[in-house]
Amino acid sequence: MAWLMIYLKGMAMGAADVVPGVSGGTIAFITGIYERLIQAIRSFDLNWLKLLLRGQWRDCWQRADGAFLVALLAGIGTSIVTLAGAISWLLEHEPVLIWSFFFGLIVASSLFIMRQIRRWTVPVAVLLALGGGAALAVGMARPAEVEITTLYVFFCGAIAICAMILPGISGSFILVLLGAYAHVLDAVHQAQLGTLAVFLAGCVCGLLVFSHLLGWLLQHYHDPMMASLTGFLIGSLYLIWPWKEVLSYRISSSGEQKPLAWLNVSPERFAEVSGADSQVLLALLLAAGGIALVLGLEYLSGGSRRQEA
C-alpha cells in the first residue's frame, strides 16, 4: 500500500509537470516526499558508483532508495504518457478552467510552504521578495525562437529538470521559454524515441548536479531556501492567471496555431477581446477545488507521517 501511494504521488507530479506554469516539485513538497526525493537523487555519487562497479547490487539499491524511486518514476511516466494529450486538449479548449484549478492549487501550496519557515528574519523576508520577483520576471519573459538541435534538446533537458524539482518553478514553462516545449511534447505524442532519449540524458545530468546543491542548501540554509521557494511559488501566479489576452501566435511543428505572447486581463476584458464566456463562477469553483486538493493532500501526507512515526 505504501508503494501504491508513492506511485499515485508520482502520477500527480507527472500531471503537474506537463502543464507550463505548475511544478512537480510543488506536488512532491505538499505530499511530504520532497526531501526524501532529493536525498534519493543525491545518493547517486561516487560511493554509489563504487558499489555498482563491485557488483554490490543490493547495497546500490538500498543506498539509492530504489523501491521509492521506481514507484515514483513509474507514476510520473504513466501520468506524462497518458495525460499529455488530455492536458494539451484542455489547455487549448478550456484554458480558463484548467488555469483556475491550478491557480487555486498554487495559492494553497505557497501558504503550505511558507509554514515550513521556522524563524522569520529580515534576510528571510528579503529572499521571499527576491524569489517572487525572479519568478515574476520569468513569467513575463517571452519564448525564444531557436533552431532545435540534438545538443539543444540535451541542454533543455538539463535546465528544465532543475526547475521541475523546485517548488514554484515549472520545468514545462522553462521549456516554453527555451522554445522547446512543443518539440518535446510532440516527441512524447509521436513516440520519437531518439529525441526522448537525448532529452532524458540531459535531465539525468542536470538532476545529478543540481540535486546535490539543492540538498546542501536545504540542509544548511533551510529557512532562506523555504522563503525563496515560497517567493517563486507566489511569483508564478502571474503565469497561471486564467484570463489572458493573446498578443501573438506561433505555428507548431504540426502546423497548428498556438499562443506565443499574452497579457493578463480582467474577466470582463477577456470576454470583450475573445468573445468567449469568462466562466467566472465555474473558475472560482475550480480554484476552490485546487485549494481543497492541497489541503486534502496535506492532511493525507500528515496522516502517513504520523503512522510512520
Foldseek 3Di string as FASTA:
>chain_A
DVLLVLLQLLLVLLLQLLDQLGASLLSCVLLPCLLVQLQLLQLPDVVLVVCVVVVVVVVNCVSNVNSSVVSNVNSNVVNNLPCNVVVVVCCVPPLLQVLLLVLLLLVLSLVVLLVVQDDDDPLLLVLLQVLLVVLLVLLQAFADDDDDDLVLLLQLLLVLLLQNSQGLGHSLNSCRNPVCNLVVSVCSVVVVPVSVVSSVNSNSVNSNVNSVVVSVCCVPPVSSSSSSSSSSSNNSSLNSNRQWAADDWDQGPVRDTGGGHIDDDDLVVSCVRVVDHSPVVSSNVSSVVSSVVSVVSNVVSVVVVVVVD
